[in-house]
C-alpha atoms as a PDB file:
ATOM      1  CA  SER A   1      -5.263  -7.258 -15.376  1.00  0.00           C
ATOM      2  CA  PHE A   2      -8.519  -6.513 -14.942  1.00  0.00           C
ATOM      3  CA  GLY A   3      -8.437  -3.502 -15.281  1.00  0.00           C
ATOM      4  CA  PHE A   4      -5.025  -2.308 -12.940  1.00  0.00           C
ATOM      5  CA  GLU A   5      -2.475  -1.003 -14.509  1.00  0.00           C
ATOM      6  CA  PHE A   6       0.734  -0.512 -12.394  1.00  0.00           C
ATOM      7  CA  SER A   7       4.100   2.172 -12.315  1.00  0.00           C
ATOM      8  CA  ASN A   8       7.166   0.782 -12.388  1.00  0.00           C
ATOM      9  CA  GLY A   9       8.381   2.106  -9.414  1.00  0.00           C
ATOM     10  CA  PHE A  10       8.688   2.944  -5.971  1.00  0.00           C
ATOM     11  CA  ALA A  11       5.450   4.154  -4.369  1.00  0.00           C
ATOM     12  CA  ARG A  12       6.185   6.980  -1.141  1.00  0.00           C
ATOM     13  CA  LEU A  13       3.700   8.946   0.849  1.00  0.00           C
ATOM     14  CA  LYS A  14       3.989  12.629   0.997  1.00  0.00           C
ATOM     15  CA  LYS A  15       7.024  13.159   3.843  1.00  0.00           C
ATOM     16  CA  GLU A  16      10.661  13.522   4.972  1.00  0.00           C
ATOM     17  CA  GLY A  17      13.098  10.873   5.606  1.00  0.00           C
ATOM     18  CA  ASN A  18      12.754   6.814   4.336  1.00  0.00           C
ATOM     19  CA  HIS A  19       9.868   6.123   7.118  1.00  0.00           C
ATOM     20  CA  THR A  20       7.330   3.031   6.304  1.00  0.00           C
ATOM     21  CA  ASP A  21       4.581   4.938   5.378  1.00  0.00           C
ATOM     22  CA  TYR A  22       1.057   4.842   7.105  1.00  0.00           C
ATOM     23  CA  PHE A  23      -2.462   5.118   5.715  1.00  0.00           C
ATOM     24  CA  SER A  24      -5.220   6.348   8.327  1.00  0.00           C
ATOM     25  CA  LEU A  25      -8.627   7.345   7.823  1.00  0.00           C
ATOM     26  CA  GLN A  26      -7.705  10.483   9.509  1.00  0.00           C
ATOM     27  CA  ASN A  27      -5.052  10.814   6.322  1.00  0.00           C
ATOM     28  CA  GLU A  28      -7.958  10.135   4.054  1.00  0.00           C
ATOM     29  CA  ARG A  29      -5.505   7.453   2.611  1.00  0.00           C
ATOM     30  CA  LEU A  30      -7.179   4.588   4.155  1.00  0.00           C
ATOM     31  CA  LYS A  31     -10.287   4.566   2.878  1.00  0.00           C
ATOM     32  CA  GLU A  32     -14.038   3.844   5.017  1.00  0.00           C
ATOM     33  CA  HIS A  33     -15.093   0.183   3.669  1.00  0.00           C
ATOM     34  CA  PRO A  34     -17.194  -1.990   5.412  1.00  0.00           C
ATOM     35  CA  MET A  35     -14.545  -4.330   6.107  1.00  0.00           C
ATOM     36  CA  LEU A  36     -12.609  -2.137   8.283  1.00  0.00           C
ATOM     37  CA  GLU A  37     -16.155  -2.719  10.776  1.00  0.00           C
ATOM     38  CA  GLY A  38     -15.089   0.305  11.936  1.00  0.00           C
ATOM     39  CA  GLU A  39     -12.090  -0.716  14.340  1.00  0.00           C
ATOM     40  CA  ILE A  40      -9.072  -0.414  11.931  1.00  0.00           C
ATOM     41  CA  GLN A  41      -7.928   3.489  11.874  1.00  0.00           C
ATOM     42  CA  SER A  42      -4.867   2.791  10.219  1.00  0.00           C
ATOM     43  CA  VAL A  43      -2.570   0.499   8.049  1.00  0.00           C
ATOM     44  CA  THR A  44       1.243   0.509   7.680  1.00  0.00           C
ATOM     45  CA  THR A  45       2.855  -0.217   3.943  1.00  0.00           C
ATOM     46  CA  PHE A  46       6.838  -0.844   3.537  1.00  0.00           C
ATOM     47  CA  THR A  47       7.375   0.427   0.310  1.00  0.00           C
ATOM     48  CA  GLY A  48       5.426  -0.656  -2.698  1.00  0.00           C
ATOM     49  CA  SER A  49       4.334   0.432  -5.760  1.00  0.00           C
ATOM     50  CA  ALA A  50       0.877   2.122  -6.875  1.00  0.00           C
ATOM     51  CA  PHE A  51      -1.497   1.008  -9.591  1.00  0.00           C
ATOM     52  CA  THR A  52      -4.203   2.998 -11.359  1.00  0.00           C
ATOM     53  CA  TYR A  53      -8.290   0.676 -11.095  1.00  0.00           C
ATOM     54  CA  PRO A  54     -10.984   0.492 -12.977  1.00  0.00           C
ATOM     55  CA  GLU A  55     -13.932   2.878 -12.147  1.00  0.00           C
ATOM     56  CA  GLU A  56     -15.946  -0.057 -10.346  1.00  0.00           C
ATOM     57  CA  ALA A  57     -13.038  -0.877  -8.158  1.00  0.00           C
ATOM     58  CA  GLU A  58     -13.710   0.190  -4.430  1.00  0.00           C
ATOM     59  CA  LEU A  59      -9.759   1.906  -3.321  1.00  0.00           C
ATOM     60  CA  ILE A  60      -8.465   0.801   0.799  1.00  0.00           C
ATOM     61  CA  LEU A  61      -5.433   2.367  -0.042  1.00  0.00           C
ATOM     62  CA  ARG A  62      -4.770   5.933  -1.799  1.00  0.00           C
ATOM     63  CA  PHE A  63      -2.558   8.244  -2.853  1.00  0.00           C
ATOM     64  CA  LYS A  64      -2.587  11.845  -2.280  1.00  0.00           C
ATOM     65  CA  GLU A  65      -1.463  14.526  -4.878  1.00  0.00           C
ATOM     66  CA  GLY A  66       2.340  14.986  -3.172  1.00  0.00           C
ATOM     67  CA  ASP A  67       2.747  11.339  -2.871  1.00  0.00           C
ATOM     68  CA  ILE A  68       5.157  10.058  -5.277  1.00  0.00           C
ATOM     69  CA  SER A  69       6.684   7.152  -7.301  1.00  0.00           C
ATOM     70  CA  LEU A  70       9.959   7.093  -8.239  1.00  0.00           C
ATOM     71  CA  GLU A  71      11.022   5.413 -11.384  1.00  0.00           C
ATOM     72  CA  PRO A  72      14.979   4.713 -11.605  1.00  0.00           C
ATOM     73  CA  GLU A  73      16.440   3.245 -14.292  1.00  0.00           C
ATOM     74  CA  ILE A  74      18.241   0.585 -12.452  1.00  0.00           C
ATOM     75  CA  ALA A  75      15.758  -1.300  -9.395  1.00  0.00           C
ATOM     76  CA  TRP A  76      17.427   0.324  -5.898  1.00  0.00           C
ATOM     77  CA  GLN A  77      19.371   3.143  -7.361  1.00  0.00           C
ATOM     78  CA  PHE A  78      18.354   5.951  -6.547  1.00  0.00           C
ATOM     79  CA  ALA A  79      19.658   9.447  -7.906  1.00  0.00           C
ATOM     80  CA  ASP A  80      18.995  12.981  -7.980  1.00  0.00           C
ATOM     81  CA  THR A  81      17.282  12.737 -10.810  1.00  0.00           C
ATOM     82  CA  THR A  82      15.519   9.823 -10.500  1.00  0.00           C
ATOM     83  CA  LYS A  83      11.938  10.428 -12.159  1.00  0.00           C
ATOM     84  CA  THR A  84       9.138  10.918 -10.274  1.00  0.00           C
ATOM     85  CA  ILE A  85       5.302  10.768 -10.290  1.00  0.00           C
ATOM     86  CA  ASP A  86       2.712  12.203  -8.682  1.00  0.00           C
ATOM     87  CA  LEU A  87       0.085   9.674  -7.598  1.00  0.00           C
ATOM     88  CA  GLU A  88      -2.019  11.404  -7.315  1.00  0.00           C
ATOM     89  CA  ASN A  89      -6.189   9.390  -8.738  1.00  0.00           C
ATOM     90  CA  TYR A  90      -3.809   6.204  -7.666  1.00  0.00           C
ATOM     91  CA  ALA A  91      -3.592   3.568  -5.552  1.00  0.00           C
ATOM     92  CA  GLN A  92      -1.600   0.673  -3.317  1.00  0.00           C
ATOM     93  CA  GLY A  93      -5.239  -1.502  -2.429  1.00  0.00           C
ATOM     94  CA  ALA A  94      -7.923  -1.885  -3.890  1.00  0.00           C
ATOM     95  CA  VAL A  95     -10.860  -5.225  -3.805  1.00  0.00           C
ATOM     96  CA  MET A  96     -13.323  -5.238  -6.396  1.00  0.00           C
ATOM     97  CA  ASN A  97     -16.270  -8.314  -7.442  1.00  0.00           C
ATOM     98  CA  TYR A  98     -15.739  -9.672 -10.347  1.00  0.00           C
ATOM     99  CA  GLY A  99     -18.451 -12.272 -11.718  1.00  0.00           C
ATOM    100  CA  LYS A 100     -19.585 -13.942  -8.747  1.00  0.00           C
ATOM    101  CA  GLY A 101     -16.636 -13.568  -6.868  1.00  0.00           C
ATOM    102  CA  LYS A 102     -14.266 -10.934  -5.440  1.00  0.00           C
ATOM    103  CA  LEU A 103     -10.729  -9.759  -6.009  1.00  0.00           C
ATOM    104  CA  ALA A 104      -7.717  -7.293  -3.836  1.00  0.00           C
ATOM    105  CA  VAL A 105      -5.028  -5.516  -5.355  1.00  0.00           C
ATOM    106  CA  PHE A 106      -2.134  -4.304  -3.879  1.00  0.00           C
ATOM    107  CA  GLY A 107       1.088  -3.502  -4.654  1.00  0.00           C
ATOM    108  CA  GLU A 108       2.872  -4.026  -1.697  1.00  0.00           C
ATOM    109  CA  ALA A 109       3.580  -7.267   0.099  1.00  0.00           C
ATOM    110  CA  ALA A 110       5.780  -7.329   2.984  1.00  0.00           C
ATOM    111  CA  MET A 111       1.994  -5.049   5.050  1.00  0.00           C
ATOM    112  CA  PHE A 112       1.097  -8.559   4.839  1.00  0.00           C
ATOM    113  CA  THR A 113       4.596 -10.265   6.243  1.00  0.00           C
ATOM    114  CA  ALA A 114       6.296 -10.744   9.686  1.00  0.00           C
ATOM    115  CA  ARG A 115       9.473 -10.208   8.515  1.00  0.00           C
ATOM    116  CA  ASP A 116      13.232  -9.161   9.733  1.00  0.00           C
ATOM    117  CA  ILE A 117      15.245  -7.783   7.017  1.00  0.00           C
ATOM    118  CA  THR A 118      18.874  -6.781   8.023  1.00  0.00           C
ATOM    119  CA  ASN A 119      21.206  -4.278   5.390  1.00  0.00           C
ATOM    120  CA  GLU A 120      23.701  -2.419   6.750  1.00  0.00           C
ATOM    121  CA  ASN A 121      21.920  -0.308   8.386  1.00  0.00           C
ATOM    122  CA  GLY A 122      21.239  -2.984  10.689  1.00  0.00           C
ATOM    123  CA  THR A 123      18.092  -5.286  11.391  1.00  0.00           C
ATOM    124  CA  PHE A 124      15.728  -4.284  11.530  1.00  0.00           C
ATOM    125  CA  LYS A 125      11.174  -5.437  11.534  1.00  0.00           C
ATOM    126  CA  VAL A 126       8.262  -5.040   8.340  1.00  0.00           C
ATOM    127  CA  GLY A 127       4.962  -6.384   8.656  1.00  0.00           C
ATOM    128  CA  PHE A 128       2.977  -7.875  11.309  1.00  0.00           C
ATOM    129  CA  ASN A 129       6.780  -7.891  13.537  1.00  0.00           C
ATOM    130  CA  SER A 130       7.204  -3.963  13.554  1.00  0.00           C
ATOM    131  CA  ARG A 131       5.608  -2.144  16.299  1.00  0.00           C
ATOM    132  CA  LEU A 132       4.905   0.485  13.077  1.00  0.00           C
ATOM    133  CA  ALA A 133       2.138  -1.832  11.948  1.00  0.00           C
ATOM    134  CA  PRO A 134      -0.168  -2.649  15.206  1.00  0.00           C
ATOM    135  CA  ASN A 135      -3.368  -3.040  12.572  1.00  0.00           C
ATOM    136  CA  ASN A 136      -1.658  -4.701   9.814  1.00  0.00           C
ATOM    137  CA  GLN A 137      -2.437  -8.262  10.922  1.00  0.00           C
ATOM    138  CA  ARG A 138      -5.864  -7.618  11.547  1.00  0.00           C
ATOM    139  CA  PHE A 139      -6.474  -5.629   8.554  1.00  0.00           C
ATOM    140  CA  ALA A 140      -4.605  -9.256   6.797  1.00  0.00           C
ATOM    141  CA  VAL A 141      -7.855 -11.299   8.694  1.00  0.00           C
ATOM    142  CA  ARG A 142     -10.894  -8.739   8.009  1.00  0.00           C
ATOM    143  CA  LEU A 143      -8.880  -8.542   3.909  1.00  0.00           C
ATOM    144  CA  MET A 144      -9.163 -12.489   3.888  1.00  0.00           C
ATOM    145  CA  ARG A 145     -13.076 -12.647   5.288  1.00  0.00           C
ATOM    146  CA  TYR A 146     -14.108 -10.085   3.458  1.00  0.00           C
ATOM    147  CA  LEU A 147     -13.162 -12.182   0.251  1.00  0.00           C
ATOM    148  CA  VAL A 148     -14.033 -15.428   1.422  1.00  0.00           C
ATOM    149  CA  GLU A 149     -18.389 -13.891   2.048  1.00  0.00           C
END
């Protein structure tokens, strides 16, 4: 686990409604990092989970006080009584040097995909296909380049 420990829940930023999570330099949830090369100002995630991290990890996507993880007893079954934990001091993305290499840890996969999701509310786009995630594809390319440097 390299010192990372995942929560067993559904992470979300403090906001109204069930929308995508927007990590930006402006809201201080996207951390400055050389791999961003001053170009990437925001990254969008689509649910996912949170994790604690070792001291030597460099945070990329971080949660702040008031962000929460919903932790239902049965996945995707939420109620007013669903347990929540505050995500201050948790992350959703980090990189770390390890031996002669590097590793990246992310608690969300859809941000790195290009998918159409259909459910009872209709069809919507996530990842690279989403108009709400204009920087995700460029972020993924920068991350891969950083990892092989």
